[in-house]
């Protein structure tokens, strides 16, 4: 009798393990003083970690990575001093200035556990210089922001395809909601 109960319990446990949904994993990458954590049920591969470089009044840390079949670009803008982060729009527009006219909508959203902004490019095109503009999504937030002050702004972008635009948007929103960027001093 004890053997039968044990076998039943083992069978129930195995069924639970086999039928449970995939668990998201956390993928971590360091760049300079920053640690990026991406949570995803799909594989994440960090492919380019670019040396920091100065831009106007901040240092830029760029990291490119893939989540499943989607390529992501992220730029961490480290100002090194407190700045007003109420308007993330200038940072987004400076990230890809030729894409300004291609954003079809803007949404406030939870990005990295903080208030953020998501821009949507539903249609692609070509800018006046012949540069291809891809449909896709951009998000920005301040990882260390509190109120209207922060020292860091992070901007993320992916390209979407026409066939899977809604699915790409859902994946983008899921990843940016759970991304975490921290700075060690």
N, C-alpha and C. Protein backbone atom coordinates (compact mmCIF):
# COMPACT_ATOMS: atom_id res chain seq x y z
N UNK A 1 0.82 -1.19 0.00
CA UNK A 1 0.00 0.00 0.00
C UNK A 1 0.87 1.26 0.00
N UNK A 2 1.91 1.28 0.82
CA UNK A 2 2.81 2.44 0.89
C UNK A 2 3.51 2.65 -0.45
N UNK A 3 3.85 1.53 -1.10
CA UNK A 3 4.51 1.63 -2.41
C UNK A 3 3.57 2.24 -3.44
N UNK A 4 2.30 1.88 -3.42
CA UNK A 4 1.31 2.40 -4.36
C UNK A 4 1.12 3.90 -4.14
N UNK A 5 1.03 4.35 -2.90
CA UNK A 5 0.87 5.78 -2.58
C UNK A 5 2.10 6.55 -3.05
N UNK A 6 3.28 5.98 -2.83
CA UNK A 6 4.52 6.62 -3.27
C UNK A 6 4.53 6.77 -4.79
N UNK A 7 4.13 5.73 -5.51
CA UNK A 7 4.10 5.80 -6.98
C UNK A 7 3.09 6.84 -7.46
N UNK A 8 1.96 6.92 -6.81
CA UNK A 8 0.95 7.92 -7.18
C UNK A 8 1.48 9.32 -6.95
N UNK A 9 2.13 9.55 -5.81
CA UNK A 9 2.70 10.87 -5.52
C UNK A 9 3.77 11.26 -6.54
N UNK A 10 4.64 10.32 -6.89
CA UNK A 10 5.68 10.58 -7.89
C UNK A 10 5.05 10.91 -9.23
N UNK A 11 4.02 10.16 -9.61
CA UNK A 11 3.35 10.42 -10.89
C UNK A 11 2.71 11.81 -10.90
N UNK A 12 2.06 12.20 -9.81
CA UNK A 12 1.44 13.52 -9.73
C UNK A 12 2.50 14.62 -9.81
N UNK A 13 3.60 14.43 -9.12
CA UNK A 13 4.68 15.43 -9.18
C UNK A 13 5.26 15.55 -10.58
N UNK A 14 5.47 14.42 -11.26
CA UNK A 14 6.00 14.45 -12.63
C UNK A 14 5.04 15.14 -13.58
N UNK A 15 3.76 14.88 -13.46
CA UNK A 15 2.77 15.53 -14.31
C UNK A 15 2.80 17.04 -14.08
N UNK A 16 2.92 17.46 -12.84
CA UNK A 16 2.99 18.89 -12.53
C UNK A 16 4.22 19.54 -13.13
N UNK A 17 5.35 18.85 -13.09
CA UNK A 17 6.58 19.40 -13.65
C UNK A 17 6.49 19.46 -15.16
N UNK A 18 5.99 18.41 -15.80
CA UNK A 18 5.92 18.36 -17.25
C UNK A 18 4.93 19.39 -17.79
N UNK A 19 3.80 19.57 -17.10
CA UNK A 19 2.77 20.47 -17.63
C UNK A 19 2.95 21.91 -17.20
N UNK A 20 3.90 22.22 -16.33
CA UNK A 20 4.07 23.61 -15.88
C UNK A 20 4.64 24.46 -17.01
N UNK A 21 4.24 25.73 -17.10
CA UNK A 21 4.74 26.59 -18.16
C UNK A 21 6.22 26.89 -17.97
N UNK A 22 6.86 27.35 -19.04
CA UNK A 22 8.27 27.71 -18.97
C UNK A 22 8.47 28.81 -17.94
N UNK A 23 9.54 28.74 -17.23
CA UNK A 23 9.86 29.77 -16.25
C UNK A 23 10.83 30.75 -16.89
N UNK A 24 10.60 32.00 -16.62
CA UNK A 24 11.49 33.03 -17.14
C UNK A 24 12.83 32.93 -16.42
N UNK A 25 13.88 33.24 -17.16
CA UNK A 25 15.22 33.26 -16.59
C UNK A 25 15.73 34.69 -16.59
N UNK A 26 16.70 34.95 -15.73
CA UNK A 26 17.32 36.27 -15.65
C UNK A 26 18.70 36.17 -16.29
N UNK A 27 18.95 37.04 -17.27
CA UNK A 27 20.24 37.09 -17.96
C UNK A 27 20.92 38.40 -17.55
N UNK A 28 22.20 38.33 -17.22
CA UNK A 28 22.90 39.48 -16.65
C UNK A 28 24.12 39.84 -17.50
N UNK A 29 24.34 41.15 -17.67
CA UNK A 29 25.51 41.66 -18.39
C UNK A 29 26.01 42.91 -17.69
N UNK A 30 27.32 43.03 -17.54
CA UNK A 30 27.91 44.25 -16.99
C UNK A 30 28.49 45.08 -18.12
N UNK A 31 28.38 46.39 -17.97
CA UNK A 31 29.05 47.33 -18.86
C UNK A 31 29.45 48.52 -18.01
N UNK A 32 30.74 48.76 -17.90
CA UNK A 32 31.20 49.83 -17.03
C UNK A 32 30.67 49.61 -15.63
N UNK A 33 30.13 50.66 -15.00
CA UNK A 33 29.60 50.51 -13.64
C UNK A 33 28.17 49.96 -13.60
N UNK A 34 27.62 49.58 -14.74
CA UNK A 34 26.22 49.17 -14.82
C UNK A 34 26.06 47.66 -14.93
N UNK A 35 25.00 47.16 -14.32
CA UNK A 35 24.58 45.78 -14.46
C UNK A 35 23.19 45.79 -15.08
N UNK A 36 23.04 45.07 -16.18
CA UNK A 36 21.76 44.95 -16.87
C UNK A 36 21.23 43.55 -16.62
N UNK A 37 19.97 43.46 -16.17
CA UNK A 37 19.33 42.17 -15.98
C UNK A 37 18.08 42.13 -16.85
N UNK A 38 18.05 41.15 -17.75
CA UNK A 38 16.91 40.96 -18.65
C UNK A 38 16.23 39.66 -18.24
N UNK A 39 14.92 39.74 -17.97
CA UNK A 39 14.13 38.56 -17.61
C UNK A 39 13.31 38.15 -18.82
N UNK A 40 13.44 36.89 -19.23
CA UNK A 40 12.72 36.43 -20.41
C UNK A 40 12.56 34.92 -20.38
N UNK A 41 11.45 34.46 -20.99
CA UNK A 41 11.27 33.03 -21.19
C UNK A 41 12.05 32.56 -22.42
N UNK A 42 12.44 33.50 -23.27
CA UNK A 42 13.25 33.18 -24.44
C UNK A 42 14.73 33.41 -24.11
N UNK A 43 15.59 32.77 -24.86
CA UNK A 43 17.02 32.93 -24.64
C UNK A 43 17.45 34.37 -24.92
N UNK A 44 18.34 34.88 -24.10
CA UNK A 44 18.90 36.22 -24.26
C UNK A 44 20.40 36.07 -24.50
N UNK A 45 20.88 36.71 -25.57
CA UNK A 45 22.31 36.66 -25.88
C UNK A 45 22.83 38.08 -26.02
N UNK A 46 23.76 38.46 -25.16
CA UNK A 46 24.40 39.77 -25.25
C UNK A 46 25.49 39.66 -26.31
N UNK A 47 25.43 40.52 -27.35
CA UNK A 47 26.34 40.34 -28.48
C UNK A 47 27.35 41.46 -28.64
N UNK A 48 27.00 42.69 -28.30
CA UNK A 48 27.94 43.81 -28.41
C UNK A 48 27.89 44.64 -27.15
N UNK A 49 29.03 44.80 -26.51
CA UNK A 49 29.16 45.70 -25.38
C UNK A 49 30.18 46.74 -25.82
N UNK A 50 29.70 47.92 -26.12
CA UNK A 50 30.54 48.96 -26.72
C UNK A 50 31.16 49.80 -25.61
N UNK A 51 32.45 50.11 -25.77
CA UNK A 51 33.13 50.94 -24.78
C UNK A 51 32.40 52.26 -24.61
N UNK A 52 32.36 52.78 -23.37
CA UNK A 52 31.66 54.04 -23.13
C UNK A 52 32.31 55.18 -23.92
N UNK A 53 31.47 56.13 -24.31
CA UNK A 53 31.98 57.28 -25.04
C UNK A 53 31.20 58.53 -24.61
N UNK A 54 31.87 59.69 -24.65
CA UNK A 54 31.18 60.93 -24.23
C UNK A 54 30.26 61.46 -25.33
N UNK A 55 29.09 61.94 -24.91
CA UNK A 55 28.12 62.58 -25.80
C UNK A 55 27.60 63.81 -25.07
N UNK A 56 27.81 64.98 -25.63
CA UNK A 56 27.32 66.21 -25.01
C UNK A 56 27.60 66.22 -23.51
N UNK A 57 26.55 66.08 -22.70
CA UNK A 57 26.72 66.19 -21.25
C UNK A 57 26.52 64.87 -20.51
N UNK A 58 26.76 63.74 -21.17
CA UNK A 58 26.67 62.43 -20.52
C UNK A 58 27.65 61.46 -21.16
N UNK A 59 27.88 60.34 -20.49
CA UNK A 59 28.64 59.24 -21.05
C UNK A 59 27.66 58.17 -21.48
N UNK A 60 27.84 57.65 -22.70
CA UNK A 60 26.93 56.64 -23.25
C UNK A 60 27.55 55.25 -23.12
N UNK A 61 26.74 54.31 -22.66
CA UNK A 61 27.11 52.91 -22.57
C UNK A 61 26.11 52.15 -23.44
N UNK A 62 26.57 51.60 -24.56
CA UNK A 62 25.68 50.92 -25.50
C UNK A 62 25.88 49.41 -25.42
N UNK A 63 24.76 48.70 -25.39
CA UNK A 63 24.78 47.24 -25.35
C UNK A 63 23.73 46.75 -26.35
N UNK A 64 24.12 45.81 -27.19
CA UNK A 64 23.19 45.17 -28.12
C UNK A 64 23.00 43.73 -27.69
N UNK A 65 21.75 43.27 -27.76
CA UNK A 65 21.48 41.90 -27.38
C UNK A 65 20.26 41.38 -28.13
N UNK A 66 20.13 40.06 -28.15
CA UNK A 66 18.99 39.42 -28.78
C UNK A 66 18.14 38.75 -27.72
N UNK A 67 16.82 38.91 -27.84
CA UNK A 67 15.86 38.17 -27.03
C UNK A 67 15.07 37.34 -28.04
N UNK A 68 15.31 36.03 -28.02
CA UNK A 68 14.72 35.19 -29.05
C UNK A 68 15.23 35.64 -30.40
N UNK A 69 14.32 35.95 -31.33
CA UNK A 69 14.72 36.37 -32.67
C UNK A 69 14.72 37.88 -32.86
N UNK A 70 14.57 38.65 -31.78
CA UNK A 70 14.52 40.11 -31.87
C UNK A 70 15.82 40.74 -31.37
N UNK A 71 16.34 41.66 -32.17
CA UNK A 71 17.56 42.39 -31.82
C UNK A 71 17.20 43.65 -31.05
N UNK A 72 17.86 43.88 -29.94
CA UNK A 72 17.64 45.04 -29.08
C UNK A 72 18.87 45.92 -29.06
N UNK A 73 18.66 47.20 -28.95
CA UNK A 73 19.73 48.15 -28.68
C UNK A 73 19.36 48.89 -27.42
N UNK A 74 20.33 49.06 -26.54
CA UNK A 74 20.08 49.83 -25.32
C UNK A 74 21.22 50.81 -25.15
N UNK A 75 20.87 52.02 -24.76
CA UNK A 75 21.87 53.03 -24.45
C UNK A 75 21.60 53.52 -23.05
N UNK A 76 22.61 53.44 -22.20
CA UNK A 76 22.51 53.99 -20.85
C UNK A 76 23.25 55.32 -20.88
N UNK A 77 22.53 56.38 -20.57
CA UNK A 77 23.11 57.72 -20.55
C UNK A 77 23.40 58.09 -19.10
N UNK A 78 24.68 58.17 -18.76
CA UNK A 78 25.10 58.47 -17.39
C UNK A 78 25.52 59.93 -17.31
N UNK A 79 24.69 60.73 -16.63
CA UNK A 79 24.95 62.16 -16.53
C UNK A 79 25.90 62.50 -15.39
N UNK A 80 26.06 61.60 -14.42
CA UNK A 80 27.00 61.82 -13.34
C UNK A 80 26.58 62.91 -12.36
N UNK A 81 25.41 63.45 -12.55
CA UNK A 81 24.87 64.47 -11.66
C UNK A 81 23.35 64.40 -11.78
N UNK A 82 22.68 64.99 -10.85
CA UNK A 82 21.22 64.96 -10.86
C UNK A 82 20.68 65.83 -12.00
N UNK A 83 19.72 65.27 -12.73
CA UNK A 83 19.06 65.99 -13.83
C UNK A 83 17.55 65.85 -13.68
N UNK A 84 16.81 66.73 -14.33
CA UNK A 84 15.36 66.64 -14.33
C UNK A 84 14.95 65.58 -15.36
N UNK A 85 14.28 64.53 -14.90
CA UNK A 85 13.89 63.44 -15.79
C UNK A 85 12.40 63.47 -16.10
N UNK A 86 11.72 64.56 -15.76
CA UNK A 86 10.28 64.62 -16.03
C UNK A 86 9.98 64.41 -17.51
N UNK A 87 10.81 64.95 -18.36
CA UNK A 87 10.58 64.77 -19.79
C UNK A 87 11.67 63.89 -20.37
N UNK A 88 11.32 62.65 -20.66
CA UNK A 88 12.27 61.72 -21.28
C UNK A 88 12.33 61.92 -22.79
N UNK A 89 11.37 62.66 -23.31
CA UNK A 89 11.24 62.83 -24.76
C UNK A 89 12.53 63.31 -25.44
N UNK A 90 13.21 64.35 -24.94
CA UNK A 90 14.44 64.78 -25.63
C UNK A 90 15.49 63.68 -25.73
N UNK A 91 15.60 62.85 -24.70
CA UNK A 91 16.57 61.75 -24.75
C UNK A 91 16.21 60.74 -25.82
N UNK A 92 14.92 60.42 -25.91
CA UNK A 92 14.48 59.47 -26.94
C UNK A 92 14.73 60.04 -28.33
N UNK A 93 14.34 61.28 -28.52
CA UNK A 93 14.46 61.88 -29.85
C UNK A 93 15.91 62.06 -30.28
N UNK A 94 16.81 62.24 -29.32
CA UNK A 94 18.23 62.34 -29.66
C UNK A 94 18.85 60.97 -29.94
N UNK A 95 18.22 59.90 -29.46
CA UNK A 95 18.75 58.55 -29.64
C UNK A 95 18.76 58.18 -31.12
N UNK A 96 17.66 58.41 -31.83
CA UNK A 96 17.56 58.20 -33.26
C UNK A 96 16.87 59.43 -33.86
N UNK A 97 17.59 60.53 -34.03
CA UNK A 97 16.93 61.78 -34.44
C UNK A 97 16.23 61.70 -35.80
N UNK A 98 16.67 60.86 -36.71
CA UNK A 98 16.02 60.78 -38.02
C UNK A 98 14.67 60.08 -37.94
N UNK A 99 14.36 59.43 -36.82
CA UNK A 99 13.12 58.69 -36.69
C UNK A 99 11.98 59.51 -36.10
N UNK A 100 12.22 60.77 -35.75
CA UNK A 100 11.25 61.60 -35.04
C UNK A 100 9.87 61.56 -35.69
N UNK A 101 9.78 61.77 -36.98
CA UNK A 101 8.49 61.84 -37.65
C UNK A 101 7.79 60.51 -37.83
N UNK A 102 8.43 59.41 -37.43
CA UNK A 102 7.86 58.09 -37.67
C UNK A 102 7.16 57.49 -36.45
N UNK A 103 7.22 58.17 -35.31
CA UNK A 103 6.50 57.68 -34.14
C UNK A 103 5.03 57.99 -34.31
N UNK A 104 4.18 56.96 -34.18
CA UNK A 104 2.75 57.15 -34.37
C UNK A 104 2.01 57.33 -33.06
N UNK A 105 2.60 56.91 -31.96
CA UNK A 105 1.98 57.14 -30.66
C UNK A 105 3.01 57.01 -29.55
N UNK A 106 2.64 57.57 -28.41
CA UNK A 106 3.47 57.53 -27.20
C UNK A 106 2.59 57.07 -26.05
N UNK A 107 3.12 56.22 -25.19
CA UNK A 107 2.37 55.72 -24.06
C UNK A 107 3.24 55.79 -22.81
N UNK A 108 2.64 56.15 -21.69
CA UNK A 108 3.36 56.01 -20.43
C UNK A 108 3.26 54.54 -20.04
N UNK A 109 4.29 54.03 -19.41
CA UNK A 109 4.32 52.60 -19.10
C UNK A 109 5.26 52.34 -17.93
N UNK A 110 5.12 51.16 -17.35
CA UNK A 110 6.05 50.69 -16.33
C UNK A 110 7.26 50.14 -17.08
N UNK A 111 8.40 50.79 -16.91
CA UNK A 111 9.64 50.37 -17.56
C UNK A 111 10.67 50.14 -16.46
N UNK A 112 11.13 48.93 -16.34
CA UNK A 112 12.13 48.63 -15.32
C UNK A 112 11.65 48.90 -13.90
N UNK A 113 10.34 48.79 -13.68
CA UNK A 113 9.80 49.02 -12.35
C UNK A 113 9.64 50.49 -12.00
N UNK A 114 9.79 51.36 -12.98
CA UNK A 114 9.68 52.81 -12.77
C UNK A 114 8.76 53.39 -13.84
N UNK A 115 8.32 54.64 -13.64
CA UNK A 115 7.54 55.29 -14.71
C UNK A 115 8.43 55.50 -15.93
N UNK A 116 7.89 55.18 -17.09
CA UNK A 116 8.66 55.33 -18.32
C UNK A 116 7.77 55.72 -19.46
N UNK A 117 8.34 55.74 -20.64
CA UNK A 117 7.66 56.19 -21.84
C UNK A 117 7.98 55.20 -22.96
N UNK A 118 6.96 54.82 -23.73
CA UNK A 118 7.15 53.93 -24.89
C UNK A 118 6.68 54.65 -26.14
N UNK A 119 7.52 54.66 -27.16
CA UNK A 119 7.17 55.22 -28.46
C UNK A 119 6.95 54.09 -29.45
N UNK A 120 5.96 54.26 -30.32
CA UNK A 120 5.60 53.22 -31.28
C UNK A 120 5.76 53.75 -32.70
N UNK A 121 6.50 53.00 -33.53
CA UNK A 121 6.63 53.31 -34.95
C UNK A 121 5.88 52.22 -35.71
N UNK A 122 4.62 52.50 -36.07
CA UNK A 122 3.82 51.47 -36.76
C UNK A 122 4.19 51.34 -38.22
N UNK A 123 4.72 52.38 -38.80
CA UNK A 123 5.07 52.35 -40.23
C UNK A 123 6.53 52.70 -40.40
N UNK A 124 7.17 52.01 -41.28
CA UNK A 124 8.54 52.33 -41.60
C UNK A 124 8.57 53.33 -42.74
N UNK A 125 9.72 53.54 -43.29
CA UNK A 125 9.86 54.46 -44.40
C UNK A 125 11.32 54.73 -44.67
N UNK A 126 11.57 55.83 -45.34
CA UNK A 126 12.93 56.26 -45.64
C UNK A 126 13.03 57.74 -45.34
N UNK A 127 14.05 58.14 -44.60
CA UNK A 127 14.18 59.56 -44.28
C UNK A 127 14.73 60.33 -45.48
N UNK A 128 14.89 61.65 -45.32
CA UNK A 128 15.31 62.50 -46.43
C UNK A 128 16.72 62.18 -46.94
N UNK A 129 17.52 61.48 -46.13
CA UNK A 129 18.87 61.10 -46.55
C UNK A 129 18.92 59.68 -47.11
N UNK A 130 17.76 59.05 -47.26
CA UNK A 130 17.71 57.70 -47.80
C UNK A 130 17.93 56.61 -46.77
N UNK A 131 17.96 56.99 -45.48
CA UNK A 131 18.16 56.00 -44.42
C UNK A 131 16.84 55.29 -44.13
N UNK A 132 16.88 53.96 -44.12
CA UNK A 132 15.66 53.18 -43.87
C UNK A 132 15.24 53.34 -42.41
N UNK A 133 13.95 53.60 -42.20
CA UNK A 133 13.37 53.70 -40.87
C UNK A 133 12.51 52.46 -40.67
N UNK A 134 12.85 51.66 -39.68
CA UNK A 134 12.11 50.42 -39.42
C UNK A 134 10.96 50.67 -38.46
N UNK A 135 9.87 49.92 -38.62
CA UNK A 135 8.81 49.96 -37.62
C UNK A 135 9.36 49.31 -36.37
N UNK A 136 8.83 49.71 -35.22
CA UNK A 136 9.32 49.12 -33.97
C UNK A 136 8.90 49.93 -32.77
N UNK A 137 9.67 49.78 -31.71
CA UNK A 137 9.33 50.37 -30.42
C UNK A 137 10.57 50.91 -29.74
N UNK A 138 10.38 51.98 -28.96
CA UNK A 138 11.44 52.54 -28.15
C UNK A 138 10.87 52.77 -26.76
N UNK A 139 11.69 52.60 -25.74
CA UNK A 139 11.26 52.86 -24.36
C UNK A 139 12.38 53.60 -23.65
N UNK A 140 11.99 54.44 -22.70
CA UNK A 140 12.99 55.17 -21.91
C UNK A 140 12.49 55.29 -20.47
N UNK A 141 13.45 55.28 -19.56
CA UNK A 141 13.15 55.50 -18.15
C UNK A 141 14.44 55.84 -17.43
N UNK A 142 14.33 56.27 -16.17
CA UNK A 142 15.50 56.55 -15.36
C UNK A 142 15.61 55.47 -14.28
N UNK A 143 16.62 54.58 -14.41
CA UNK A 143 16.75 53.49 -13.44
C UNK A 143 16.93 53.96 -12.00
N UNK A 144 17.55 55.12 -11.81
CA UNK A 144 17.74 55.62 -10.45
C UNK A 144 16.84 56.81 -10.15
N UNK A 145 15.84 57.01 -11.00
CA UNK A 145 14.96 58.17 -10.85
C UNK A 145 14.11 58.09 -9.59
N UNK A 146 13.92 59.25 -9.01
CA UNK A 146 13.04 59.39 -7.85
C UNK A 146 12.36 60.74 -7.99
N UNK A 147 11.04 60.73 -8.09
CA UNK A 147 10.34 61.98 -8.35
C UNK A 147 10.72 62.45 -9.74
N UNK A 148 11.21 63.67 -9.84
CA UNK A 148 11.60 64.18 -11.16
C UNK A 148 13.12 64.29 -11.31
N UNK A 149 13.88 63.62 -10.44
CA UNK A 149 15.34 63.69 -10.50
C UNK A 149 15.95 62.30 -10.68
N UNK A 150 17.05 62.26 -11.41
CA UNK A 150 17.81 61.03 -11.62
C UNK A 150 19.15 61.39 -12.21
N UNK A 151 20.05 60.43 -12.31
CA UNK A 151 21.35 60.68 -12.92
C UNK A 151 21.55 59.83 -14.18
N UNK A 152 20.62 58.90 -14.45
CA UNK A 152 20.76 57.95 -15.54
C UNK A 152 19.46 57.90 -16.34
N UNK A 153 19.58 57.82 -17.65
CA UNK A 153 18.43 57.54 -18.51
C UNK A 153 18.81 56.36 -19.38
N UNK A 154 17.92 55.38 -19.46
CA UNK A 154 18.15 54.20 -20.29
C UNK A 154 17.12 54.20 -21.42
N UNK A 155 17.59 53.95 -22.64
CA UNK A 155 16.73 53.93 -23.82
C UNK A 155 16.92 52.59 -24.52
N UNK A 156 15.80 51.92 -24.84
CA UNK A 156 15.83 50.62 -25.49
C UNK A 156 15.03 50.67 -26.78
N UNK A 157 15.46 49.92 -27.79
CA UNK A 157 14.77 49.93 -29.08
C UNK A 157 14.81 48.54 -29.69
N UNK A 158 13.69 48.15 -30.35
CA UNK A 158 13.69 46.94 -31.18
C UNK A 158 12.96 47.25 -32.48
N UNK A 159 13.25 46.44 -33.48
CA UNK A 159 12.58 46.52 -34.78
C UNK A 159 11.48 45.46 -34.79
N UNK A 160 10.32 45.82 -35.30
CA UNK A 160 9.18 44.89 -35.39
C UNK A 160 8.94 44.53 -36.84
N UNK A 161 8.27 43.42 -37.05
CA UNK A 161 7.90 43.02 -38.41
C UNK A 161 6.41 43.24 -38.60
N UNK A 162 6.01 43.47 -39.84
CA UNK A 162 4.59 43.72 -40.15
C UNK A 162 3.74 42.51 -39.79
N UNK A 163 4.26 41.32 -40.02
CA UNK A 163 3.48 40.10 -39.78
C UNK A 163 3.21 39.85 -38.30
N UNK A 164 4.10 40.30 -37.44
CA UNK A 164 3.96 40.00 -36.02
C UNK A 164 4.03 41.26 -35.15
N UNK A 165 3.50 42.36 -35.66
CA UNK A 165 3.62 43.64 -34.95
C UNK A 165 3.03 43.56 -33.54
N UNK A 166 1.82 43.01 -33.39
CA UNK A 166 1.18 42.94 -32.08
C UNK A 166 1.96 42.02 -31.13
N UNK A 167 2.43 40.89 -31.63
CA UNK A 167 3.22 39.97 -30.81
C UNK A 167 4.54 40.61 -30.40
N UNK A 168 5.17 41.34 -31.34
CA UNK A 168 6.43 42.02 -31.02
C UNK A 168 6.21 43.08 -29.95
N UNK A 169 5.08 43.80 -30.05
CA UNK A 169 4.77 44.83 -29.05
C UNK A 169 4.58 44.20 -27.67
N UNK A 170 3.86 43.09 -27.60
CA UNK A 170 3.64 42.40 -26.33
C UNK A 170 4.96 41.92 -25.73
N UNK A 171 5.84 41.37 -26.58
CA UNK A 171 7.15 40.91 -26.11
C UNK A 171 7.98 42.10 -25.61
N UNK A 172 7.97 43.19 -26.36
CA UNK A 172 8.72 44.38 -25.99
C UNK A 172 8.26 44.89 -24.62
N UNK A 173 6.93 45.03 -24.46
CA UNK A 173 6.40 45.54 -23.19
C UNK A 173 6.74 44.62 -22.03
N UNK A 174 6.72 43.31 -22.26
CA UNK A 174 7.05 42.36 -21.20
C UNK A 174 8.50 42.50 -20.76
N UNK A 175 9.41 42.59 -21.73
CA UNK A 175 10.84 42.68 -21.39
C UNK A 175 11.15 44.02 -20.73
N UNK A 176 10.63 45.14 -21.26
CA UNK A 176 10.98 46.44 -20.66
C UNK A 176 10.37 46.60 -19.26
N UNK A 177 9.25 45.94 -19.01
CA UNK A 177 8.64 46.01 -17.68
C UNK A 177 9.57 45.38 -16.65
N UNK A 178 10.23 44.29 -17.02
CA UNK A 178 11.03 43.53 -16.07
C UNK A 178 12.53 43.80 -16.14
N UNK A 179 12.99 44.62 -17.09
CA UNK A 179 14.42 44.89 -17.17
C UNK A 179 14.86 45.67 -15.94
N UNK A 180 16.07 45.40 -15.49
CA UNK A 180 16.62 46.13 -14.35
C UNK A 180 18.03 46.57 -14.71
N UNK A 181 18.30 47.84 -14.44
CA UNK A 181 19.64 48.40 -14.67
C UNK A 181 20.06 49.06 -13.37
N UNK A 182 21.21 48.67 -12.88
CA UNK A 182 21.71 49.26 -11.64
C UNK A 182 23.14 49.73 -11.84
N UNK A 183 23.52 50.70 -11.04
CA UNK A 183 24.86 51.27 -11.12
C UNK A 183 25.57 51.04 -9.78
N UNK A 184 26.79 50.54 -9.88
CA UNK A 184 27.61 50.39 -8.68
C UNK A 184 28.64 51.50 -8.68
N UNK A 185 28.92 52.00 -7.53
CA UNK A 185 29.89 53.09 -7.42
C UNK A 185 31.17 52.62 -6.81
